[in-house]
Structure formats: structure tokens, C-alpha cells
PDB file of N, CA and C in Angstrom:
ATOM      1  N   MET A   1      13.046  -9.373  -6.838  1.00  0.00           N
ATOM      2  CA  MET A   1      12.488  -8.050  -6.644  1.00  0.00           C
ATOM      3  C   MET A   1      11.038  -8.030  -7.122  1.00  0.00           C
ATOM      4  N   ILE A   2      10.206  -7.357  -6.389  1.00  0.00           N
ATOM      5  CA  ILE A   2       8.787  -7.284  -6.718  1.00  0.00           C
ATOM      6  C   ILE A   2       8.525  -6.063  -7.588  1.00  0.00           C
ATOM      7  N   LYS A   3       7.806  -6.287  -8.687  1.00  0.00           N
ATOM      8  CA  LYS A   3       7.417  -5.193  -9.583  1.00  0.00           C
ATOM      9  C   LYS A   3       6.137  -4.557  -9.031  1.00  0.00           C
ATOM     10  N   ILE A   4       6.115  -3.227  -8.989  1.00  0.00           N
ATOM     11  CA  ILE A   4       4.960  -2.508  -8.455  1.00  0.00           C
ATOM     12  C   ILE A   4       4.290  -1.740  -9.589  1.00  0.00           C
ATOM     13  N   VAL A   5       3.004  -2.001  -9.808  1.00  0.00           N
ATOM     14  CA  VAL A   5       2.216  -1.327 -10.838  1.00  0.00           C
ATOM     15  C   VAL A   5       1.225  -0.397 -10.140  1.00  0.00           C
ATOM     16  N   TRP A   6       1.203   0.876 -10.560  1.00  0.00           N
ATOM     17  CA  TRP A   6       0.326   1.886  -9.952  1.00  0.00           C
ATOM     18  C   TRP A   6      -0.935   2.067 -10.783  1.00  0.00           C
ATOM     19  N   ASP A   7      -2.102   1.867 -10.174  1.00  0.00           N
ATOM     20  CA  ASP A   7      -3.392   2.160 -10.790  1.00  0.00           C
ATOM     21  C   ASP A   7      -3.528   3.682 -10.932  1.00  0.00           C
ATOM     22  N   LYS A   8      -4.262   4.148 -11.949  1.00  0.00           N
ATOM     23  CA  LYS A   8      -4.464   5.597 -12.128  1.00  0.00           C
ATOM     24  C   LYS A   8      -5.130   6.217 -10.906  1.00  0.00           C
ATOM     25  N   GLY A   9      -6.105   5.526 -10.355  1.00  0.00           N
ATOM     26  CA  GLY A   9      -6.774   6.015  -9.148  1.00  0.00           C
ATOM     27  C   GLY A   9      -5.815   6.083  -7.968  1.00  0.00           C
ATOM     28  N   PHE A  10      -4.894   5.118  -7.897  1.00  0.00           N
ATOM     29  CA  PHE A  10      -3.905   5.131  -6.826  1.00  0.00           C
ATOM     30  C   PHE A  10      -2.999   6.348  -6.972  1.00  0.00           C
ATOM     31  N   LYS A  11      -2.602   6.667  -8.192  1.00  0.00           N
ATOM     32  CA  LYS A  11      -1.743   7.831  -8.418  1.00  0.00           C
ATOM     33  C   LYS A  11      -2.413   9.109  -7.919  1.00  0.00           C
ATOM     34  N   ARG A  12      -3.701   9.252  -8.211  1.00  0.00           N
ATOM     35  CA  ARG A  12      -4.447  10.434  -7.749  1.00  0.00           C
ATOM     36  C   ARG A  12      -4.501  10.471  -6.223  1.00  0.00           C
ATOM     37  N   SER A  13      -4.828   9.339  -5.620  1.00  0.00           N
ATOM     38  CA  SER A  13      -4.915   9.269  -4.159  1.00  0.00           C
ATOM     39  C   SER A  13      -3.557   9.533  -3.518  1.00  0.00           C
ATOM     40  N   TYR A  14      -2.503   9.003  -4.117  1.00  0.00           N
ATOM     41  CA  TYR A  14      -1.143   9.198  -3.604  1.00  0.00           C
ATOM     42  C   TYR A  14      -0.799  10.687  -3.602  1.00  0.00           C
ATOM     43  N   LYS A  15      -1.047  11.350  -4.728  1.00  0.00           N
ATOM     44  CA  LYS A  15      -0.737  12.783  -4.816  1.00  0.00           C
ATOM     45  C   LYS A  15      -1.535  13.579  -3.790  1.00  0.00           C
ATOM     46  N   LYS A  16      -2.805  13.269  -3.670  1.00  0.00           N
ATOM     47  CA  LYS A  16      -3.674  13.984  -2.732  1.00  0.00           C
ATOM     48  C   LYS A  16      -3.239  13.762  -1.286  1.00  0.00           C
ATOM     49  N   LYS A  17      -2.898  12.540  -0.950  1.00  0.00           N
ATOM     50  CA  LYS A  17      -2.582  12.181   0.434  1.00  0.00           C
ATOM     51  C   LYS A  17      -1.155  12.566   0.830  1.00  0.00           C
ATOM     52  N   ILE A  18      -0.203  12.417  -0.087  1.00  0.00           N
ATOM     53  CA  ILE A  18       1.200  12.517   0.284  1.00  0.00           C
ATOM     54  C   ILE A  18       1.913  13.757  -0.244  1.00  0.00           C
ATOM     55  N   LYS A  19       1.376  14.394  -1.263  1.00  0.00           N
ATOM     56  CA  LYS A  19       2.071  15.497  -1.931  1.00  0.00           C
ATOM     57  C   LYS A  19       2.642  16.543  -0.977  1.00  0.00           C
ATOM     58  N   HIS A  20       1.871  16.969  -0.012  1.00  0.00           N
ATOM     59  CA  HIS A  20       2.294  18.044   0.891  1.00  0.00           C
ATOM     60  C   HIS A  20       2.735  17.538   2.259  1.00  0.00           C
ATOM     61  N   ASN A  21       2.926  16.245   2.391  1.00  0.00           N
ATOM     62  CA  ASN A  21       3.316  15.671   3.675  1.00  0.00           C
ATOM     63  C   ASN A  21       4.650  14.938   3.507  1.00  0.00           C
ATOM     64  N   VAL A  22       5.737  15.652   3.730  1.00  0.00           N
ATOM     65  CA  VAL A  22       7.083  15.112   3.518  1.00  0.00           C
ATOM     66  C   VAL A  22       7.342  13.886   4.395  1.00  0.00           C
ATOM     67  N   GLU A  23       6.923  13.931   5.636  1.00  0.00           N
ATOM     68  CA  GLU A  23       7.161  12.804   6.550  1.00  0.00           C
ATOM     69  C   GLU A  23       6.422  11.549   6.086  1.00  0.00           C
ATOM     70  N   LEU A  24       5.169  11.699   5.677  1.00  0.00           N
ATOM     71  CA  LEU A  24       4.397  10.551   5.204  1.00  0.00           C
ATOM     72  C   LEU A  24       5.009   9.986   3.920  1.00  0.00           C
ATOM     73  N   LYS A  25       5.516  10.853   3.075  1.00  0.00           N
ATOM     74  CA  LYS A  25       6.174  10.410   1.847  1.00  0.00           C
ATOM     75  C   LYS A  25       7.401   9.556   2.177  1.00  0.00           C
ATOM     76  N   LYS A  26       8.194   9.990   3.145  1.00  0.00           N
ATOM     77  CA  LYS A  26       9.358   9.202   3.585  1.00  0.00           C
ATOM     78  C   LYS A  26       8.917   7.848   4.115  1.00  0.00           C
ATOM     79  N   GLN A  27       7.855   7.841   4.927  1.00  0.00           N
ATOM     80  CA  GLN A  27       7.359   6.592   5.499  1.00  0.00           C
ATOM     81  C   GLN A  27       6.832   5.655   4.409  1.00  0.00           C
ATOM     82  N   PHE A  28       6.162   6.227   3.407  1.00  0.00           N
ATOM     83  CA  PHE A  28       5.641   5.431   2.287  1.00  0.00           C
ATOM     84  C   PHE A  28       6.784   4.699   1.589  1.00  0.00           C
ATOM     85  N   TRP A  29       7.827   5.435   1.219  1.00  0.00           N
ATOM     86  CA  TRP A  29       8.937   4.815   0.490  1.00  0.00           C
ATOM     87  C   TRP A  29       9.736   3.864   1.373  1.00  0.00           C
ATOM     88  N   ALA A  30       9.830   4.143   2.647  1.00  0.00           N
ATOM     89  CA  ALA A  30      10.489   3.219   3.575  1.00  0.00           C
ATOM     90  C   ALA A  30       9.699   1.916   3.670  1.00  0.00           C
ATOM     91  N   ALA A  31       8.374   2.015   3.751  1.00  0.00           N
ATOM     92  CA  ALA A  31       7.523   0.827   3.817  1.00  0.00           C
ATOM     93  C   ALA A  31       7.676  -0.012   2.553  1.00  0.00           C
ATOM     94  N   PHE A  32       7.757   0.642   1.392  1.00  0.00           N
ATOM     95  CA  PHE A  32       7.903  -0.116   0.156  1.00  0.00           C
ATOM     96  C   PHE A  32       9.307  -0.676  -0.033  1.00  0.00           C
ATOM     97  N   ALA A  33      10.297  -0.062   0.577  1.00  0.00           N
ATOM     98  CA  ALA A  33      11.643  -0.650   0.569  1.00  0.00           C
ATOM     99  C   ALA A  33      11.621  -1.963   1.342  1.00  0.00           C
ATOM    100  N   VAL A  34      10.940  -1.961   2.477  1.00  0.00           N
ATOM    101  CA  VAL A  34      10.781  -3.192   3.278  1.00  0.00           C
ATOM    102  C   VAL A  34       9.969  -4.207   2.480  1.00  0.00           C
ATOM    103  N   PHE A  35       8.871  -3.752   1.892  1.00  0.00           N
ATOM    104  CA  PHE A  35       7.964  -4.633   1.147  1.00  0.00           C
ATOM    105  C   PHE A  35       8.674  -5.351   0.004  1.00  0.00           C
ATOM    106  N   THR A  36       9.510  -4.634  -0.750  1.00  0.00           N
ATOM    107  CA  THR A  36      10.173  -5.265  -1.891  1.00  0.00           C
ATOM    108  C   THR A  36      11.179  -6.327  -1.464  1.00  0.00           C
ATOM    109  N   ARG A  37      11.715  -6.186  -0.254  1.00  0.00           N
ATOM    110  CA  ARG A  37      12.620  -7.213   0.270  1.00  0.00           C
ATOM    111  C   ARG A  37      11.845  -8.396   0.841  1.00  0.00           C
ATOM    112  N   ASN A  38      10.770  -8.103   1.568  1.00  0.00           N
ATOM    113  CA  ASN A  38       9.969  -9.153   2.201  1.00  0.00           C
ATOM    114  C   ASN A  38       8.537  -8.637   2.374  1.00  0.00           C
ATOM    115  N   PRO A  39       7.621  -9.045   1.486  1.00  0.00           N
ATOM    116  CA  PRO A  39       6.237  -8.546   1.554  1.00  0.00           C
ATOM    117  C   PRO A  39       5.510  -8.879   2.857  1.00  0.00           C
ATOM    118  N   PHE A  40       6.029  -9.818   3.615  1.00  0.00           N
ATOM    119  CA  PHE A  40       5.350 -10.235   4.836  1.00  0.00           C
ATOM    120  C   PHE A  40       6.126  -9.855   6.094  1.00  0.00           C
ATOM    121  N   ASP A  41       6.996  -8.871   5.969  1.00  0.00           N
ATOM    122  CA  ASP A  41       7.740  -8.362   7.124  1.00  0.00           C
ATOM    123  C   ASP A  41       6.741  -7.797   8.136  1.00  0.00           C
ATOM    124  N   PRO A  42       6.849  -8.170   9.399  1.00  0.00           N
ATOM    125  CA  PRO A  42       5.903  -7.683  10.418  1.00  0.00           C
ATOM    126  C   PRO A  42       5.876  -6.158  10.557  1.00  0.00           C
ATOM    127  N   ALA A  43       6.920  -5.475  10.147  1.00  0.00           N
ATOM    128  CA  ALA A  43       6.976  -4.016  10.281  1.00  0.00           C
ATOM    129  C   ALA A  43       5.905  -3.307   9.450  1.00  0.00           C
ATOM    130  N   ILE A  44       5.490  -3.908   8.326  1.00  0.00           N
ATOM    131  CA  ILE A  44       4.495  -3.257   7.476  1.00  0.00           C
ATOM    132  C   ILE A  44       3.094  -3.840   7.636  1.00  0.00           C
ATOM    133  N   LYS A  45       2.980  -4.879   8.418  1.00  0.00           N
ATOM    134  CA  LYS A  45       1.687  -5.467   8.781  1.00  0.00           C
ATOM    135  C   LYS A  45       0.815  -5.817   7.568  1.00  0.00           C
ATOM    136  N   ALA A  46       1.406  -6.426   6.560  1.00  0.00           N
ATOM    137  CA  ALA A  46       0.634  -6.848   5.387  1.00  0.00           C
ATOM    138  C   ALA A  46      -0.336  -7.958   5.792  1.00  0.00           C
ATOM    139  N   HIS A  47      -1.576  -7.828   5.318  1.00  0.00           N
ATOM    140  CA  HIS A  47      -2.584  -8.827   5.666  1.00  0.00           C
ATOM    141  C   HIS A  47      -3.657  -8.907   4.587  1.00  0.00           C
ATOM    142  N   LYS A  48      -4.280 -10.091   4.486  1.00  0.00           N
ATOM    143  CA  LYS A  48      -5.389 -10.299   3.557  1.00  0.00           C
ATOM    144  C   LYS A  48      -6.608  -9.556   4.065  1.00  0.00           C
ATOM    145  N   LEU A  49      -7.417  -9.098   3.129  1.00  0.00           N
ATOM    146  CA  LEU A  49      -8.661  -8.434   3.500  1.00  0.00           C
ATOM    147  C   LEU A  49      -9.832  -9.390   3.310  1.00  0.00           C
ATOM    148  N   ILE A  50     -10.911  -9.092   3.995  1.00  0.00           N
ATOM    149  CA  ILE A  50     -12.104  -9.929   3.918  1.00  0.00           C
ATOM    150  C   ILE A  50     -13.291  -9.057   3.509  1.00  0.00           C
ATOM    151  N   GLY A  51     -14.428  -9.674   3.361  1.00  0.00           N
ATOM    152  CA  GLY A  51     -15.645  -8.942   3.018  1.00  0.00           C
ATOM    153  C   GLY A  51     -15.605  -8.449   1.582  1.00  0.00           C
ATOM    154  N   LYS A  52     -16.028  -7.206   1.368  1.00  0.00           N
ATOM    155  CA  LYS A  52     -16.106  -6.666   0.002  1.00  0.00           C
ATOM    156  C   LYS A  52     -14.729  -6.510  -0.648  1.00  0.00           C
ATOM    157  N   LEU A  53     -13.674  -6.540   0.144  1.00  0.00           N
ATOM    158  CA  LEU A  53     -12.308  -6.421  -0.385  1.00  0.00           C
ATOM    159  C   LEU A  53     -11.568  -7.761  -0.412  1.00  0.00           C
ATOM    160  N   LYS A  54     -12.319  -8.853  -0.348  1.00  0.00           N
ATOM    161  CA  LYS A  54     -11.714 -10.184  -0.388  1.00  0.00           C
ATOM    162  C   LYS A  54     -10.895 -10.321  -1.668  1.00  0.00           C
ATOM    163  N   GLY A  55      -9.715 -10.880  -1.551  1.00  0.00           N
ATOM    164  CA  GLY A  55      -8.810 -11.030  -2.692  1.00  0.00           C
ATOM    165  C   GLY A  55      -7.758  -9.929  -2.744  1.00  0.00           C
ATOM    166  N   TYR A  56      -7.952  -8.891  -1.925  1.00  0.00           N
ATOM    167  CA  TYR A  56      -6.999  -7.789  -1.850  1.00  0.00           C
ATOM    168  C   TYR A  56      -6.207  -7.901  -0.545  1.00  0.00           C
ATOM    169  N   TRP A  57      -5.146  -7.135  -0.480  1.00  0.00           N
ATOM    170  CA  TRP A  57      -4.281  -7.083   0.689  1.00  0.00           C
ATOM    171  C   TRP A  57      -4.111  -5.641   1.116  1.00  0.00           C
ATOM    172  N   ALA A  58      -3.667  -5.430   2.341  1.00  0.00           N
ATOM    173  CA  ALA A  58      -3.359  -4.087   2.838  1.00  0.00           C
ATOM    174  C   ALA A  58      -2.034  -4.136   3.574  1.00  0.00           C
ATOM    175  N   LEU A  59      -1.351  -3.010   3.572  1.00  0.00           N
ATOM    176  CA  LEU A  59      -0.151  -2.856   4.382  1.00  0.00           C
ATOM    177  C   LEU A  59      -0.205  -1.488   5.040  1.00  0.00           C
ATOM    178  N   SER A  60       0.501  -1.356   6.135  1.00  0.00           N
ATOM    179  CA  SER A  60       0.513  -0.101   6.887  1.00  0.00           C
ATOM    180  C   SER A  60       1.742   0.716   6.537  1.00  0.00           C
ATOM    181  N   VAL A  61       1.505   1.998   6.228  1.00  0.00           N
ATOM    182  CA  VAL A  61       2.593   2.951   5.997  1.00  0.00           C
ATOM    183  C   VAL A  61       2.939   3.624   7.314  1.00  0.00           C
ATOM    184  N   ASP A  62       1.908   4.035   8.034  1.00  0.00           N
ATOM    185  CA  ASP A  62       2.067   4.552   9.393  1.00  0.00           C
ATOM    186  C   ASP A  62       0.811   4.175  10.166  1.00  0.00           C
ATOM    187  N   TYR A  63       0.628   4.750  11.330  1.00  0.00           N
ATOM    188  CA  TYR A  63      -0.489   4.366  12.191  1.00  0.00           C
ATOM    189  C   TYR A  63      -1.834   4.420  11.475  1.00  0.00           C
ATOM    190  N   ASP A  64      -2.077   5.486  10.705  1.00  0.00           N
ATOM    191  CA  ASP A  64      -3.383   5.618  10.053  1.00  0.00           C
ATOM    192  C   ASP A  64      -3.271   5.816   8.544  1.00  0.00           C
ATOM    193  N   CYS A  65      -2.323   5.199   7.910  1.00  0.00           N
ATOM    194  CA  CYS A  65      -2.221   5.252   6.455  1.00  0.00           C
ATOM    195  C   CYS A  65      -2.032   3.836   5.937  1.00  0.00           C
ATOM    196  N   ARG A  66      -2.976   3.401   5.107  1.00  0.00           N
ATOM    197  CA  ARG A  66      -2.954   2.052   4.555  1.00  0.00           C
ATOM    198  C   ARG A  66      -2.831   2.100   3.040  1.00  0.00           C
ATOM    199  N   VAL A  67      -2.245   1.061   2.489  1.00  0.00           N
ATOM    200  CA  VAL A  67      -2.183   0.881   1.045  1.00  0.00           C
ATOM    201  C   VAL A  67      -2.903  -0.424   0.736  1.00  0.00           C
ATOM    202  N   ILE A  68      -3.873  -0.350  -0.176  1.00  0.00           N
ATOM    203  CA  ILE A  68      -4.599  -1.529  -0.631  1.00  0.00           C
ATOM    204  C   ILE A  68      -3.942  -1.983  -1.933  1.00  0.00           C
ATOM    205  N   PHE A  69      -3.666  -3.280  -2.039  1.00  0.00           N
ATOM    206  CA  PHE A  69      -3.028  -3.792  -3.242  1.00  0.00           C
ATOM    207  C   PHE A  69      -3.491  -5.208  -3.531  1.00  0.00           C
ATOM    208  N   LYS A  70      -3.115  -5.682  -4.707  1.00  0.00           N
ATOM    209  CA  LYS A  70      -3.457  -7.050  -5.101  1.00  0.00           C
ATOM    210  C   LYS A  70      -2.223  -7.686  -5.726  1.00  0.00           C
ATOM    211  N   PHE A  71      -1.955  -8.929  -5.354  1.00  0.00           N
ATOM    212  CA  PHE A  71      -0.900  -9.683  -6.014  1.00  0.00           C
ATOM    213  C   PHE A  71      -1.415 -10.082  -7.396  1.00  0.00           C
ATOM    214  N   THR A  72      -0.685  -9.695  -8.451  1.00  0.00           N
ATOM    215  CA  THR A  72      -1.103 -10.055  -9.809  1.00  0.00           C
ATOM    216  C   THR A  72      -0.199 -11.121 -10.403  1.00  0.00           C
ATOM    217  N   GLY A  73       0.791 -11.489  -9.675  1.00  0.00           N
ATOM    218  CA  GLY A  73       1.731 -12.534 -10.080  1.00  0.00           C
ATOM    219  C   GLY A  73       2.620 -12.828  -8.894  1.00  0.00           C
ATOM    220  N   LYS A  74       3.498 -13.782  -9.069  1.00  0.00           N
ATOM    221  CA  LYS A  74       4.379 -14.149  -7.959  1.00  0.00           C
ATOM    222  C   LYS A  74       5.295 -12.998  -7.565  1.00  0.00           C
ATOM    223  N   LYS A  75       5.680 -12.182  -8.533  1.00  0.00           N
ATOM    224  CA  LYS A  75       6.617 -11.083  -8.281  1.00  0.00           C
ATOM    225  C   LYS A  75       6.055  -9.736  -8.736  1.00  0.00           C
ATOM    226  N   GLU A  76       4.721  -9.580  -8.704  1.00  0.00           N
ATOM    227  CA  GLU A  76       4.120  -8.318  -9.149  1.00  0.00           C
ATOM    228  C   GLU A  76       2.900  -7.989  -8.293  1.00  0.00           C
ATOM    229  N   ILE A  77       2.769  -6.707  -7.941  1.00  0.00           N
ATOM    230  CA  ILE A  77       1.573  -6.251  -7.223  1.00  0.00           C
ATOM    231  C   ILE A  77       0.983  -5.053  -7.953  1.00  0.00           C
ATOM    232  N   PHE A  78      -0.302  -4.849  -7.748  1.00  0.00           N
ATOM    233  CA  PHE A  78      -1.059  -3.760  -8.350  1.00  0.00           C
ATOM    234  C   PHE A  78      -1.593  -2.893  -7.217  1.00  0.00           C
ATOM    235  N   LEU A  79      -1.122  -1.649  -7.116  1.00  0.00           N
ATOM    236  CA  LEU A  79      -1.561  -0.749  -6.050  1.00  0.00           C
ATOM    237  C   LEU A  79      -2.932  -0.184  -6.389  1.00  0.00           C
ATOM    238  N   ILE A  80      -3.856  -0.277  -5.448  1.00  0.00           N
ATOM    239  CA  ILE A  80      -5.242   0.101  -5.669  1.00  0.00           C
ATOM    240  C   ILE A  80      -5.596   1.440  -5.025  1.00  0.00           C
ATOM    241  N   ASP A  81      -5.293   1.602  -3.740  1.00  0.00           N
ATOM    242  CA  ASP A  81      -5.723   2.806  -3.009  1.00  0.00           C
ATOM    243  C   ASP A  81      -4.776   3.069  -1.842  1.00  0.00           C
ATOM    244  N   ILE A  82      -4.772   4.325  -1.420  1.00  0.00           N
ATOM    245  CA  ILE A  82      -3.999   4.730  -0.242  1.00  0.00           C
ATOM    246  C   ILE A  82      -4.835   5.734   0.526  1.00  0.00           C
ATOM    247  N   GLY A  83      -4.793   5.644   1.836  1.00  0.00           N
ATOM    248  CA  GLY A  83      -5.537   6.581   2.675  1.00  0.00           C
ATOM    249  C   GLY A  83      -5.631   6.082   4.095  1.00  0.00           C
ATOM    250  N   SER A  84      -6.423   6.796   4.871  1.00  0.00           N
ATOM    251  CA  SER A  84      -6.644   6.388   6.253  1.00  0.00           C
ATOM    252  C   SER A  84      -7.480   5.117   6.286  1.00  0.00           C
ATOM    253  N   HIS A  85      -7.545   4.509   7.440  1.00  0.00           N
ATOM    254  CA  HIS A  85      -8.330   3.282   7.604  1.00  0.00           C
ATOM    255  C   HIS A  85      -9.748   3.489   7.102  1.00  0.00           C
ATOM    256  N   ASP A  86     -10.409   4.562   7.508  1.00  0.00           N
ATOM    257  CA  ASP A  86     -11.785   4.811   7.117  1.00  0.00           C
ATOM    258  C   ASP A  86     -11.923   5.132   5.625  1.00  0.00           C
ATOM    259  N   GLU A  87     -10.915   5.721   5.013  1.00  0.00           N
ATOM    260  CA  GLU A  87     -10.978   6.082   3.597  1.00  0.00           C
ATOM    261  C   GLU A  87     -10.869   4.867   2.683  1.00  0.00           C
ATOM    262  N   VAL A  88     -10.050   3.896   3.029  1.00  0.00           N
ATOM    263  CA  VAL A  88      -9.804   2.788   2.121  1.00  0.00           C
ATOM    264  C   VAL A  88     -10.650   1.549   2.379  1.00  0.00           C
ATOM    265  N   TYR A  89     -11.203   1.395   3.581  1.00  0.00           N
ATOM    266  CA  TYR A  89     -12.000   0.201   3.858  1.00  0.00           C
ATOM    267  C   TYR A  89     -13.455   0.474   3.677  1.00  0.00           C
TER     268      TYR A  89
END
């Protein structure tokens, strides 16, 4: 099982983005259920980032909601940001 650590900034972004959107909240937790079983499942489209975000990864919650994270160990990730494509990149 993968341990998920939430950055303080991620918590703020999560509340702002998902607090009033029940459907997006369901999709977020569904995506992380998939992620904890298999971080590279094609359904969540996890991929390495390049450029200024080199060393970080992103996964898709829905069509226009991404989560930026970093692997901090073999079984641990650190959540950095959540938002639309334009907000997080």
C-alpha cells in the first residue's frame, strides 16, 4: 500500500477545488483508490513531468483536474498541487 502525504498547500488547493463539487470529490477518491493499487494504471494517466516540474509526476482525476505529486520513497508519495491543467502547470 502506498502512503500518501498531503502538503499544506495541497490541502488548501484541495478544499478550494473540491469542497463544493461532490462529483469531483468522488472522482478524486476513486482515482486514488486506483493509484494505491497500481500507480501506473492507464485509467489515471500518471506521467513524469518535464521542464520546471522535472522530478514531479501528475495524474488525472478527470478531464481537466490534475494532481501533481512526487515519489518520496518506494511506497510513499507527497501531494503537491491540484487543479486544472493551466492552474498546476
